[in-house]
Amino acid sequence: NIYCFTRGIKPIHIAGDSHVWPYKNMHPFEVHHFGGVTAYNLNNQNSTTGSLKKLNSTLLELSKRKHIILFSFGEIDCRLHIYNQFRKKQQKVALKRLISDTIRNYMSVIIKLKKLGWSVSVLSPTPSGTERNVYKMKFFADFKTRSAITKQYHLNLKRESKINGIPYINVYSKVATKLGGIKSSYKKDAV
């Protein structure tokens, strides 16, 4: 990255779901899109999306000393999977527990990389969009519920990042409305 080299700064490799795309062609970011991946399964060697394998493959190309990894996972969990699991488990497992489990799995990977000497940081989730159940999920939360899940995810992730000494980039607070959705000036689509 010539931009970073000439300015003496480390490139920031933003890795995650489709919410990494707004950083494409913006210095000092280099985008690594892993597809429709979840924070919950990032630590799963055998996940169907192969997110951990994609992350490890990306890391092989980078240097611990010369690069920063910025993680951007969780929007898909908040929009679809946490509520879906809540309903599939017949509401016997609280939403707060499902959010905590998701963050625990996600942070386990980030903490491990930090211990291995990587410069890591975490990007807050994107606030809820206004899309309807275009995914044909059996259980799909309404806007208010999705917004509450996303806000709680954000607060928990921020807290866990602080506890573990991992920089947390809080974009959520800048772009969320009082109702929890994303401000219209930042929307690209209903998601």
N, C-alpha and C. Protein backbone atom coordinates (compact mmCIF):
# COMPACT_ATOMS: atom_id res chain seq x y z
N ASN A 1 0.85 -1.17 0.00
CA ASN A 1 0.00 0.00 0.00
C ASN A 1 0.90 1.24 0.00
N ILE A 2 1.04 1.86 -1.12
CA ILE A 2 1.93 3.02 -1.29
C ILE A 2 1.49 4.18 -0.40
N TYR A 3 0.18 4.39 -0.29
CA TYR A 3 -0.34 5.47 0.55
C TYR A 3 0.20 5.35 1.97
N CYS A 4 0.09 4.17 2.56
CA CYS A 4 0.55 3.96 3.93
C CYS A 4 2.07 4.06 4.03
N PHE A 5 2.76 3.49 3.06
CA PHE A 5 4.22 3.51 3.07
C PHE A 5 4.76 4.94 3.06
N THR A 6 4.20 5.78 2.19
CA THR A 6 4.70 7.16 2.08
C THR A 6 4.37 8.00 3.30
N ARG A 7 3.36 7.61 4.05
CA ARG A 7 2.98 8.36 5.24
C ARG A 7 3.46 7.71 6.54
N GLY A 8 4.10 6.56 6.41
CA GLY A 8 4.65 5.88 7.57
C GLY A 8 3.58 5.34 8.52
N ILE A 9 2.45 4.93 7.96
CA ILE A 9 1.38 4.36 8.80
C ILE A 9 1.08 2.92 8.39
N LYS A 10 0.52 2.17 9.33
CA LYS A 10 0.18 0.78 9.06
C LYS A 10 -1.12 0.69 8.27
N PRO A 11 -1.17 -0.18 7.27
CA PRO A 11 -2.44 -0.42 6.58
C PRO A 11 -3.42 -1.09 7.55
N ILE A 12 -4.68 -0.75 7.41
CA ILE A 12 -5.73 -1.37 8.22
C ILE A 12 -6.49 -2.33 7.32
N HIS A 13 -6.43 -3.59 7.67
CA HIS A 13 -7.11 -4.64 6.91
C HIS A 13 -8.45 -4.91 7.57
N ILE A 14 -9.52 -4.42 6.95
CA ILE A 14 -10.86 -4.60 7.51
C ILE A 14 -11.44 -5.89 6.95
N ALA A 15 -11.77 -6.81 7.86
CA ALA A 15 -12.20 -8.15 7.47
C ALA A 15 -13.58 -8.44 8.03
N GLY A 16 -14.45 -9.02 7.18
CA GLY A 16 -15.77 -9.39 7.68
C GLY A 16 -16.80 -9.57 6.59
N ASP A 17 -18.05 -9.24 6.95
CA ASP A 17 -19.18 -9.41 6.04
C ASP A 17 -19.26 -8.23 5.06
N SER A 18 -20.37 -8.08 4.39
CA SER A 18 -20.49 -7.06 3.34
C SER A 18 -20.37 -5.63 3.86
N HIS A 19 -20.43 -5.44 5.15
CA HIS A 19 -20.29 -4.09 5.69
C HIS A 19 -18.85 -3.58 5.68
N VAL A 20 -17.95 -4.35 5.10
CA VAL A 20 -16.58 -3.86 4.88
C VAL A 20 -16.50 -3.04 3.59
N TRP A 21 -17.46 -3.23 2.68
CA TRP A 21 -17.39 -2.59 1.36
C TRP A 21 -17.35 -1.06 1.38
N PRO A 22 -17.99 -0.37 2.31
CA PRO A 22 -17.88 1.10 2.29
C PRO A 22 -16.44 1.60 2.45
N TYR A 23 -15.54 0.75 2.89
CA TYR A 23 -14.14 1.14 3.10
C TYR A 23 -13.26 0.85 1.89
N LYS A 24 -13.86 0.29 0.85
CA LYS A 24 -13.08 -0.01 -0.36
C LYS A 24 -12.60 1.30 -0.99
N ASN A 25 -11.35 1.29 -1.41
CA ASN A 25 -10.70 2.44 -2.03
C ASN A 25 -10.59 3.66 -1.11
N MET A 26 -10.64 3.42 0.19
CA MET A 26 -10.43 4.49 1.17
C MET A 26 -9.13 4.17 1.92
N HIS A 27 -8.24 5.11 1.92
CA HIS A 27 -6.96 4.90 2.61
C HIS A 27 -7.12 5.18 4.09
N PRO A 28 -6.52 4.40 4.94
CA PRO A 28 -5.52 3.34 4.75
C PRO A 28 -6.12 1.93 4.77
N PHE A 29 -7.39 1.78 4.36
CA PHE A 29 -8.06 0.49 4.46
C PHE A 29 -7.79 -0.42 3.27
N GLU A 30 -7.70 -1.71 3.58
CA GLU A 30 -7.70 -2.77 2.57
C GLU A 30 -8.80 -3.72 2.97
N VAL A 31 -9.72 -3.98 2.07
CA VAL A 31 -10.94 -4.73 2.36
C VAL A 31 -10.74 -6.22 2.11
N HIS A 32 -11.25 -7.02 3.07
CA HIS A 32 -11.26 -8.49 2.95
C HIS A 32 -12.68 -8.96 3.25
N HIS A 33 -13.46 -9.15 2.17
CA HIS A 33 -14.85 -9.57 2.30
C HIS A 33 -14.91 -11.09 2.34
N PHE A 34 -15.48 -11.63 3.43
CA PHE A 34 -15.55 -13.09 3.60
C PHE A 34 -16.92 -13.66 3.24
N GLY A 35 -17.83 -12.83 2.75
CA GLY A 35 -19.16 -13.31 2.39
C GLY A 35 -20.14 -13.14 3.53
N GLY A 36 -21.23 -13.90 3.48
CA GLY A 36 -22.27 -13.83 4.50
C GLY A 36 -21.89 -14.58 5.76
N VAL A 37 -20.89 -14.08 6.44
CA VAL A 37 -20.34 -14.76 7.63
C VAL A 37 -20.93 -14.19 8.91
N THR A 38 -20.90 -15.00 9.95
CA THR A 38 -21.44 -14.56 11.24
C THR A 38 -20.34 -14.47 12.29
N ALA A 39 -20.56 -13.60 13.24
CA ALA A 39 -19.66 -13.49 14.39
C ALA A 39 -19.72 -14.77 15.22
N TYR A 40 -20.92 -15.34 15.32
CA TYR A 40 -21.10 -16.54 16.13
C TYR A 40 -20.21 -17.69 15.67
N ASN A 41 -20.07 -17.85 14.36
CA ASN A 41 -19.30 -18.98 13.82
C ASN A 41 -17.87 -18.65 13.43
N LEU A 42 -17.40 -17.46 13.74
CA LEU A 42 -16.04 -17.11 13.35
C LEU A 42 -15.02 -18.07 13.96
N ASN A 43 -15.30 -18.59 15.14
CA ASN A 43 -14.34 -19.50 15.79
C ASN A 43 -14.55 -20.96 15.40
N ASN A 44 -15.47 -21.23 14.51
CA ASN A 44 -15.81 -22.60 14.12
C ASN A 44 -15.01 -23.02 12.89
N GLN A 45 -14.10 -23.94 13.10
CA GLN A 45 -13.23 -24.44 12.02
C GLN A 45 -14.05 -25.07 10.88
N ASN A 46 -15.24 -25.58 11.21
CA ASN A 46 -16.04 -26.30 10.22
C ASN A 46 -17.31 -25.56 9.82
N SER A 47 -17.33 -24.24 9.97
CA SER A 47 -18.53 -23.49 9.59
C SER A 47 -18.79 -23.61 8.09
N THR A 48 -20.04 -23.53 7.72
CA THR A 48 -20.39 -23.68 6.30
C THR A 48 -19.85 -22.54 5.44
N THR A 49 -19.63 -21.37 6.03
CA THR A 49 -19.10 -20.24 5.27
C THR A 49 -17.57 -20.23 5.23
N GLY A 50 -16.93 -21.04 6.08
CA GLY A 50 -15.47 -21.10 6.09
C GLY A 50 -14.81 -19.82 6.53
N SER A 51 -15.45 -19.04 7.39
CA SER A 51 -14.92 -17.73 7.78
C SER A 51 -13.57 -17.81 8.48
N LEU A 52 -13.38 -18.78 9.36
CA LEU A 52 -12.10 -18.90 10.05
C LEU A 52 -10.99 -19.28 9.08
N LYS A 53 -11.30 -20.14 8.14
CA LYS A 53 -10.31 -20.52 7.12
C LYS A 53 -9.95 -19.32 6.25
N LYS A 54 -10.96 -18.51 5.90
CA LYS A 54 -10.71 -17.31 5.10
C LYS A 54 -9.85 -16.31 5.88
N LEU A 55 -10.15 -16.17 7.17
CA LEU A 55 -9.35 -15.27 8.01
C LEU A 55 -7.91 -15.76 8.08
N ASN A 56 -7.72 -17.04 8.36
CA ASN A 56 -6.36 -17.58 8.47
C ASN A 56 -5.60 -17.46 7.15
N SER A 57 -6.28 -17.65 6.05
CA SER A 57 -5.66 -17.49 4.73
C SER A 57 -5.22 -16.04 4.51
N THR A 58 -6.06 -15.10 4.92
CA THR A 58 -5.73 -13.68 4.81
C THR A 58 -4.52 -13.34 5.67
N LEU A 59 -4.50 -13.86 6.90
CA LEU A 59 -3.39 -13.56 7.83
C LEU A 59 -2.05 -14.07 7.30
N LEU A 60 -2.08 -15.16 6.55
CA LEU A 60 -0.84 -15.70 5.98
C LEU A 60 -0.16 -14.70 5.04
N GLU A 61 -0.96 -13.81 4.45
CA GLU A 61 -0.44 -12.82 3.51
C GLU A 61 0.05 -11.54 4.18
N LEU A 62 -0.20 -11.42 5.50
CA LEU A 62 0.09 -10.18 6.21
C LEU A 62 1.21 -10.35 7.22
N SER A 63 1.67 -9.24 7.74
CA SER A 63 2.73 -9.22 8.75
C SER A 63 2.17 -8.69 10.07
N LYS A 64 2.45 -9.39 11.16
CA LYS A 64 2.01 -8.95 12.48
C LYS A 64 2.53 -7.55 12.80
N ARG A 65 3.75 -7.28 12.38
CA ARG A 65 4.38 -6.00 12.71
C ARG A 65 3.89 -4.85 11.83
N LYS A 66 3.48 -5.16 10.61
CA LYS A 66 3.20 -4.09 9.65
C LYS A 66 1.73 -3.81 9.38
N HIS A 67 0.83 -4.62 9.93
CA HIS A 67 -0.59 -4.48 9.59
C HIS A 67 -1.48 -4.49 10.82
N ILE A 68 -2.64 -3.84 10.69
CA ILE A 68 -3.68 -3.84 11.71
C ILE A 68 -4.89 -4.57 11.13
N ILE A 69 -5.50 -5.44 11.94
CA ILE A 69 -6.71 -6.14 11.51
C ILE A 69 -7.91 -5.51 12.22
N LEU A 70 -8.87 -5.03 11.45
CA LEU A 70 -10.10 -4.45 11.98
C LEU A 70 -11.24 -5.41 11.64
N PHE A 71 -11.87 -5.96 12.67
CA PHE A 71 -12.92 -6.95 12.48
C PHE A 71 -14.29 -6.29 12.36
N SER A 72 -15.07 -6.76 11.37
CA SER A 72 -16.42 -6.22 11.14
C SER A 72 -17.39 -7.39 10.96
N PHE A 73 -17.80 -7.96 12.07
CA PHE A 73 -18.73 -9.08 12.07
C PHE A 73 -19.88 -8.77 13.02
N GLY A 74 -21.04 -9.34 12.77
CA GLY A 74 -22.14 -9.24 13.71
C GLY A 74 -23.43 -8.70 13.14
N GLU A 75 -23.38 -7.95 12.06
CA GLU A 75 -24.61 -7.37 11.52
C GLU A 75 -25.57 -8.49 11.09
N ILE A 76 -25.06 -9.53 10.49
CA ILE A 76 -25.91 -10.64 10.04
C ILE A 76 -26.49 -11.37 11.25
N ASP A 77 -25.69 -11.54 12.28
CA ASP A 77 -26.18 -12.17 13.51
C ASP A 77 -27.35 -11.37 14.06
N CYS A 78 -27.18 -10.04 14.15
CA CYS A 78 -28.21 -9.17 14.72
C CYS A 78 -29.46 -9.11 13.84
N ARG A 79 -29.28 -9.11 12.55
CA ARG A 79 -30.42 -8.97 11.63
C ARG A 79 -31.22 -10.26 11.50
N LEU A 80 -30.53 -11.41 11.52
CA LEU A 80 -31.21 -12.67 11.21
C LEU A 80 -31.08 -13.75 12.29
N HIS A 81 -29.87 -14.08 12.65
CA HIS A 81 -29.63 -15.34 13.35
C HIS A 81 -29.94 -15.34 14.84
N ILE A 82 -29.69 -14.27 15.55
CA ILE A 82 -29.95 -14.27 16.99
C ILE A 82 -31.44 -14.45 17.26
N TYR A 83 -32.27 -13.68 16.59
CA TYR A 83 -33.71 -13.81 16.79
C TYR A 83 -34.22 -15.17 16.30
N ASN A 84 -33.71 -15.62 15.18
CA ASN A 84 -34.12 -16.92 14.64
C ASN A 84 -33.81 -18.04 15.64
N GLN A 85 -32.63 -18.00 16.26
CA GLN A 85 -32.28 -19.00 17.27
C GLN A 85 -33.17 -18.88 18.50
N PHE A 86 -33.48 -17.66 18.88
CA PHE A 86 -34.36 -17.40 20.02
C PHE A 86 -35.71 -18.10 19.80
N ARG A 87 -36.26 -17.94 18.63
CA ARG A 87 -37.56 -18.54 18.33
C ARG A 87 -37.45 -20.05 18.11
N LYS A 88 -36.37 -20.51 17.47
CA LYS A 88 -36.19 -21.95 17.25
C LYS A 88 -36.05 -22.69 18.59
N LYS A 89 -35.47 -22.02 19.56
CA LYS A 89 -35.32 -22.62 20.89
C LYS A 89 -36.55 -22.35 21.76
N GLN A 90 -37.63 -21.95 21.09
CA GLN A 90 -38.93 -21.71 21.71
C GLN A 90 -38.85 -20.71 22.86
N GLN A 91 -37.99 -19.71 22.69
CA GLN A 91 -37.82 -18.61 23.63
C GLN A 91 -37.36 -19.08 25.02
N LYS A 92 -36.77 -20.27 25.08
CA LYS A 92 -36.28 -20.80 26.37
C LYS A 92 -34.89 -20.27 26.70
N VAL A 93 -34.20 -19.77 25.69
CA VAL A 93 -32.89 -19.14 25.90
C VAL A 93 -33.07 -17.66 25.61
N ALA A 94 -32.75 -16.83 26.59
CA ALA A 94 -32.97 -15.38 26.47
C ALA A 94 -32.15 -14.78 25.34
N LEU A 95 -32.71 -13.73 24.73
CA LEU A 95 -31.98 -13.01 23.68
C LEU A 95 -30.63 -12.52 24.20
N LYS A 96 -30.59 -12.01 25.44
CA LYS A 96 -29.32 -11.53 26.01
C LYS A 96 -28.29 -12.64 26.05
N ARG A 97 -28.71 -13.85 26.35
CA ARG A 97 -27.78 -14.99 26.40
C ARG A 97 -27.26 -15.31 25.00
N LEU A 98 -28.14 -15.29 24.01
CA LEU A 98 -27.72 -15.57 22.63
C LEU A 98 -26.75 -14.49 22.13
N ILE A 99 -26.99 -13.24 22.51
CA ILE A 99 -26.08 -12.16 22.15
C ILE A 99 -24.73 -12.37 22.82
N SER A 100 -24.74 -12.71 24.10
CA SER A 100 -23.49 -12.95 24.84
C SER A 100 -22.71 -14.12 24.26
N ASP A 101 -23.42 -15.19 23.89
CA ASP A 101 -22.76 -16.36 23.29
C ASP A 101 -22.10 -15.99 21.97
N THR A 102 -22.79 -15.17 21.19
CA THR A 102 -22.24 -14.73 19.90
C THR A 102 -20.97 -13.92 20.11
N ILE A 103 -21.00 -12.99 21.05
CA ILE A 103 -19.83 -12.16 21.31
C ILE A 103 -18.69 -12.98 21.90
N ARG A 104 -19.01 -13.94 22.75
CA ARG A 104 -17.97 -14.80 23.32
C ARG A 104 -17.21 -15.55 22.21
N ASN A 105 -17.96 -16.14 21.28
CA ASN A 105 -17.33 -16.86 20.17
C ASN A 105 -16.47 -15.93 19.32
N TYR A 106 -17.02 -14.79 18.99
CA TYR A 106 -16.35 -13.78 18.16
C TYR A 106 -15.07 -13.29 18.82
N MET A 107 -15.20 -12.89 20.08
CA MET A 107 -14.04 -12.34 20.80
C MET A 107 -12.96 -13.39 21.03
N SER A 108 -13.32 -14.66 21.11
CA SER A 108 -12.31 -15.70 21.34
C SER A 108 -11.26 -15.69 20.23
N VAL A 109 -11.69 -15.44 19.00
CA VAL A 109 -10.75 -15.39 17.87
C VAL A 109 -9.88 -14.13 17.97
N ILE A 110 -10.49 -13.02 18.27
CA ILE A 110 -9.77 -11.75 18.33
C ILE A 110 -8.76 -11.75 19.48
N ILE A 111 -9.17 -12.26 20.63
CA ILE A 111 -8.27 -12.34 21.78
C ILE A 111 -7.10 -13.26 21.48
N LYS A 112 -7.36 -14.38 20.83
CA LYS A 112 -6.28 -15.32 20.46
C LYS A 112 -5.27 -14.63 19.55
N LEU A 113 -5.76 -13.91 18.55
CA LEU A 113 -4.85 -13.21 17.63
C LEU A 113 -4.04 -12.14 18.35
N LYS A 114 -4.68 -11.44 19.28
CA LYS A 114 -3.97 -10.43 20.07
C LYS A 114 -2.83 -11.09 20.86
N LYS A 115 -3.11 -12.24 21.47
CA LYS A 115 -2.10 -12.96 22.23
C LYS A 115 -0.95 -13.45 21.35
N LEU A 116 -1.26 -13.67 20.07
CA LEU A 116 -0.24 -14.11 19.12
C LEU A 116 0.58 -12.93 18.56
N GLY A 117 0.23 -11.71 18.99
CA GLY A 117 1.02 -10.55 18.60
C GLY A 117 0.44 -9.70 17.49
N TRP A 118 -0.78 -9.99 17.05
CA TRP A 118 -1.42 -9.18 16.01
C TRP A 118 -1.98 -7.90 16.60
N SER A 119 -1.96 -6.83 15.82
CA SER A 119 -2.64 -5.58 16.18
C SER A 119 -4.07 -5.73 15.71
N VAL A 120 -5.01 -5.85 16.66
CA VAL A 120 -6.40 -6.10 16.32
C VAL A 120 -7.28 -4.98 16.87
N SER A 121 -8.41 -4.77 16.22
CA SER A 121 -9.41 -3.82 16.68
C SER A 121 -10.76 -4.30 16.17
N VAL A 122 -11.83 -3.73 16.73
CA VAL A 122 -13.18 -4.17 16.42
C VAL A 122 -14.02 -2.98 15.98
N LEU A 123 -14.76 -3.17 14.90
CA LEU A 123 -15.69 -2.15 14.41
C LEU A 123 -17.08 -2.46 14.95
N SER A 124 -17.77 -1.44 15.43
CA SER A 124 -19.13 -1.63 15.95
C SER A 124 -20.04 -2.13 14.83
N PRO A 125 -21.17 -2.74 15.22
CA PRO A 125 -22.10 -3.20 14.18
C PRO A 125 -22.81 -2.04 13.50
N THR A 126 -23.33 -2.30 12.33
CA THR A 126 -24.16 -1.34 11.62
C THR A 126 -25.56 -1.37 12.23
N PRO A 127 -26.17 -0.22 12.49
CA PRO A 127 -27.54 -0.22 13.03
C PRO A 127 -28.51 -0.92 12.08
N SER A 128 -29.66 -1.28 12.61
CA SER A 128 -30.66 -2.04 11.85
C SER A 128 -31.17 -1.28 10.64
N GLY A 129 -31.41 -2.05 9.58
CA GLY A 129 -32.03 -1.51 8.38
C GLY A 129 -33.54 -1.70 8.43
N THR A 130 -34.20 -1.37 7.35
CA THR A 130 -35.67 -1.41 7.32
C THR A 130 -36.22 -2.52 6.43
N GLU A 131 -35.37 -3.41 5.97
CA GLU A 131 -35.82 -4.47 5.06
C GLU A 131 -36.85 -5.38 5.74
N ARG A 132 -37.64 -6.00 4.90
CA ARG A 132 -38.62 -6.98 5.37
C ARG A 132 -37.99 -8.37 5.25
N ASN A 133 -38.74 -9.39 5.47
CA ASN A 133 -38.21 -10.76 5.45
C ASN A 133 -38.02 -11.27 4.02
N VAL A 134 -37.14 -10.62 3.30
CA VAL A 134 -36.85 -11.04 1.93
C VAL A 134 -36.06 -12.36 1.91
N TYR A 135 -35.57 -12.77 3.06
CA TYR A 135 -34.75 -13.99 3.17
C TYR A 135 -35.62 -15.22 3.38
N LYS A 136 -36.93 -14.99 3.58
CA LYS A 136 -37.88 -16.07 3.81
C LYS A 136 -37.52 -16.91 5.02
N MET A 137 -37.00 -16.24 6.05
CA MET A 137 -36.68 -16.93 7.30
C MET A 137 -38.00 -17.28 7.98
N LYS A 138 -38.04 -18.44 8.63
CA LYS A 138 -39.25 -18.83 9.35
C LYS A 138 -39.56 -17.81 10.44
N PHE A 139 -38.50 -17.36 11.13
CA PHE A 139 -38.65 -16.38 12.20
C PHE A 139 -37.83 -15.15 11.86
N PHE A 140 -38.48 -14.01 11.73
CA PHE A 140 -37.80 -12.78 11.38
C PHE A 140 -38.34 -11.67 12.27
N ALA A 141 -37.45 -11.04 13.01
CA ALA A 141 -37.87 -10.01 13.97
C ALA A 141 -38.33 -8.74 13.28
N ASP A 142 -39.21 -8.02 13.95
CA ASP A 142 -39.62 -6.72 13.45
C ASP A 142 -38.49 -5.71 13.69
N PHE A 143 -38.65 -4.52 13.12
CA PHE A 143 -37.61 -3.50 13.20
C PHE A 143 -37.22 -3.18 14.65
N LYS A 144 -38.20 -3.01 15.50
CA LYS A 144 -37.94 -2.66 16.90
C LYS A 144 -37.10 -3.73 17.60
N THR A 145 -37.41 -4.98 17.37
CA THR A 145 -36.67 -6.09 18.00
C THR A 145 -35.26 -6.18 17.43
N ARG A 146 -35.13 -6.05 16.10
CA ARG A 146 -33.80 -6.09 15.48
C ARG A 146 -32.94 -4.95 16.02
N SER A 147 -33.54 -3.78 16.16
CA SER A 147 -32.81 -2.62 16.67
C SER A 147 -32.35 -2.85 18.11
N ALA A 148 -33.21 -3.44 18.93
CA ALA A 148 -32.85 -3.73 20.32
C ALA A 148 -31.72 -4.76 20.38
N ILE A 149 -31.78 -5.77 19.53
CA ILE A 149 -30.72 -6.78 19.49
C ILE A 149 -29.40 -6.13 19.08
N THR A 150 -29.43 -5.31 18.05
CA THR A 150 -28.21 -4.67 17.56
C THR A 150 -27.62 -3.73 18.61
N LYS A 151 -28.46 -2.96 19.27
CA LYS A 151 -27.96 -2.05 20.30
C LYS A 151 -27.32 -2.82 21.45
N GLN A 152 -27.96 -3.90 21.88
CA GLN A 152 -27.40 -4.70 22.98
C GLN A 152 -26.08 -5.36 22.54
N TYR A 153 -26.04 -5.84 21.30
CA TYR A 153 -24.82 -6.43 20.76
C TYR A 153 -23.70 -5.39 20.78
N HIS A 154 -24.01 -4.18 20.32
CA HIS A 154 -23.04 -3.08 20.32
C HIS A 154 -22.51 -2.81 21.73
N LEU A 155 -23.41 -2.67 22.68
CA LEU A 155 -23.00 -2.36 24.06
C LEU A 155 -22.15 -3.47 24.66
N ASN A 156 -22.56 -4.72 24.44
CA ASN A 156 -21.78 -5.85 24.96
C ASN A 156 -20.41 -5.95 24.30
N LEU A 157 -20.37 -5.75 22.99
CA LEU A 157 -19.12 -5.85 22.25
C LEU A 157 -18.16 -4.74 22.67
N LYS A 158 -18.70 -3.56 22.87
CA LYS A 158 -17.90 -2.43 23.34
C LYS A 158 -17.30 -2.74 24.71
N ARG A 159 -18.12 -3.27 25.62
CA ARG A 159 -17.66 -3.62 26.97
C ARG A 159 -16.58 -4.71 26.92
N GLU A 160 -16.83 -5.77 26.16
CA GLU A 160 -15.86 -6.87 26.08
C GLU A 160 -14.54 -6.43 25.44
N SER A 161 -14.63 -5.56 24.47
CA SER A 161 -13.41 -5.02 23.84
C SER A 161 -12.60 -4.25 24.87
N LYS A 162 -13.26 -3.43 25.65
CA LYS A 162 -12.57 -2.65 26.68
C LYS A 162 -11.92 -3.55 27.72
N ILE A 163 -12.67 -4.54 28.19
CA ILE A 163 -12.15 -5.49 29.20
C ILE A 163 -10.89 -6.18 28.69
N ASN A 164 -10.87 -6.50 27.40
CA ASN A 164 -9.74 -7.24 26.82
C ASN A 164 -8.67 -6.35 26.19
N GLY A 165 -8.79 -5.04 26.37
CA GLY A 165 -7.78 -4.12 25.86
C GLY A 165 -7.71 -4.06 24.35
N ILE A 166 -8.87 -4.22 23.70
CA ILE A 166 -8.92 -4.21 22.24
C ILE A 166 -9.62 -2.92 21.79
N PRO A 167 -8.98 -2.12 20.95
CA PRO A 167 -9.63 -0.89 20.49
C PRO A 167 -10.98 -1.16 19.82
N TYR A 168 -11.98 -0.39 20.20
CA TYR A 168 -13.33 -0.52 19.67
C TYR A 168 -13.66 0.75 18.90
N ILE A 169 -13.92 0.60 17.63
CA ILE A 169 -14.25 1.73 16.77
C ILE A 169 -15.77 1.89 16.76
N ASN A 170 -16.25 2.90 17.49
CA ASN A 170 -17.67 3.07 17.73
C ASN A 170 -18.32 3.96 16.67
N VAL A 171 -18.60 3.38 15.52
CA VAL A 171 -19.32 4.08 14.46
C VAL A 171 -20.82 4.05 14.76
N TYR A 172 -21.27 3.00 15.43
CA TYR A 172 -22.69 2.82 15.74
C TYR A 172 -23.30 4.09 16.35
N SER A 173 -22.66 4.63 17.36
CA SER A 173 -23.20 5.80 18.05
C SER A 173 -23.29 7.04 17.16
N LYS A 174 -22.49 7.07 16.12
CA LYS A 174 -22.50 8.22 15.20
C LYS A 174 -23.58 8.11 14.13
N VAL A 175 -23.97 6.87 13.76
CA VAL A 175 -24.87 6.71 12.62
C VAL A 175 -26.25 6.16 13.00
N ALA A 176 -26.48 5.83 14.27
CA ALA A 176 -27.77 5.28 14.70
C ALA A 176 -28.75 6.40 15.06
N THR A 177 -30.03 6.17 14.74
CA THR A 177 -31.08 7.10 15.15
C THR A 177 -31.47 6.78 16.60
N LYS A 178 -32.30 7.61 17.18
CA LYS A 178 -32.77 7.37 18.55
C LYS A 178 -33.58 6.08 18.64
N LEU A 179 -34.21 5.69 17.54
CA LEU A 179 -35.00 4.45 17.51
C LEU A 179 -34.12 3.22 17.24
N GLY A 180 -32.85 3.44 16.92
CA GLY A 180 -31.93 2.32 16.71
C GLY A 180 -31.62 1.99 15.27
N GLY A 181 -32.34 2.54 14.33
CA GLY A 181 -32.04 2.30 12.93
C GLY A 181 -30.89 3.18 12.47
N ILE A 182 -30.53 3.03 11.22
CA ILE A 182 -29.43 3.82 10.68
C ILE A 182 -29.98 5.13 10.09
N LYS A 183 -29.28 6.21 10.32
CA LYS A 183 -29.69 7.51 9.77
C LYS A 183 -29.75 7.41 8.25
N SER A 184 -30.78 8.03 7.67
CA SER A 184 -31.01 7.90 6.23
C SER A 184 -29.83 8.38 5.39
N SER A 185 -29.07 9.34 5.90
CA SER A 185 -27.94 9.86 5.13
C SER A 185 -26.81 8.82 4.98
N TYR A 186 -26.88 7.74 5.77
CA TYR A 186 -25.85 6.70 5.69
C TYR A 186 -26.35 5.43 5.01
N LYS A 187 -27.60 5.41 4.60
CA LYS A 187 -28.18 4.21 3.99
C LYS A 187 -27.75 4.08 2.53
N LYS A 188 -27.45 2.85 2.17
CA LYS A 188 -27.24 2.54 0.76
C LYS A 188 -28.39 1.71 0.24
N ASP A 189 -29.00 0.93 1.13
CA ASP A 189 -30.13 0.08 0.78
C ASP A 189 -30.90 -0.24 2.06
N ALA A 190 -31.91 -1.10 1.96
CA ALA A 190 -32.75 -1.41 3.12
C ALA A 190 -32.02 -2.20 4.20
N VAL A 191 -30.94 -2.88 3.83
CA VAL A 191 -30.14 -3.63 4.80
C VAL A 191 -29.24 -2.66 5.56
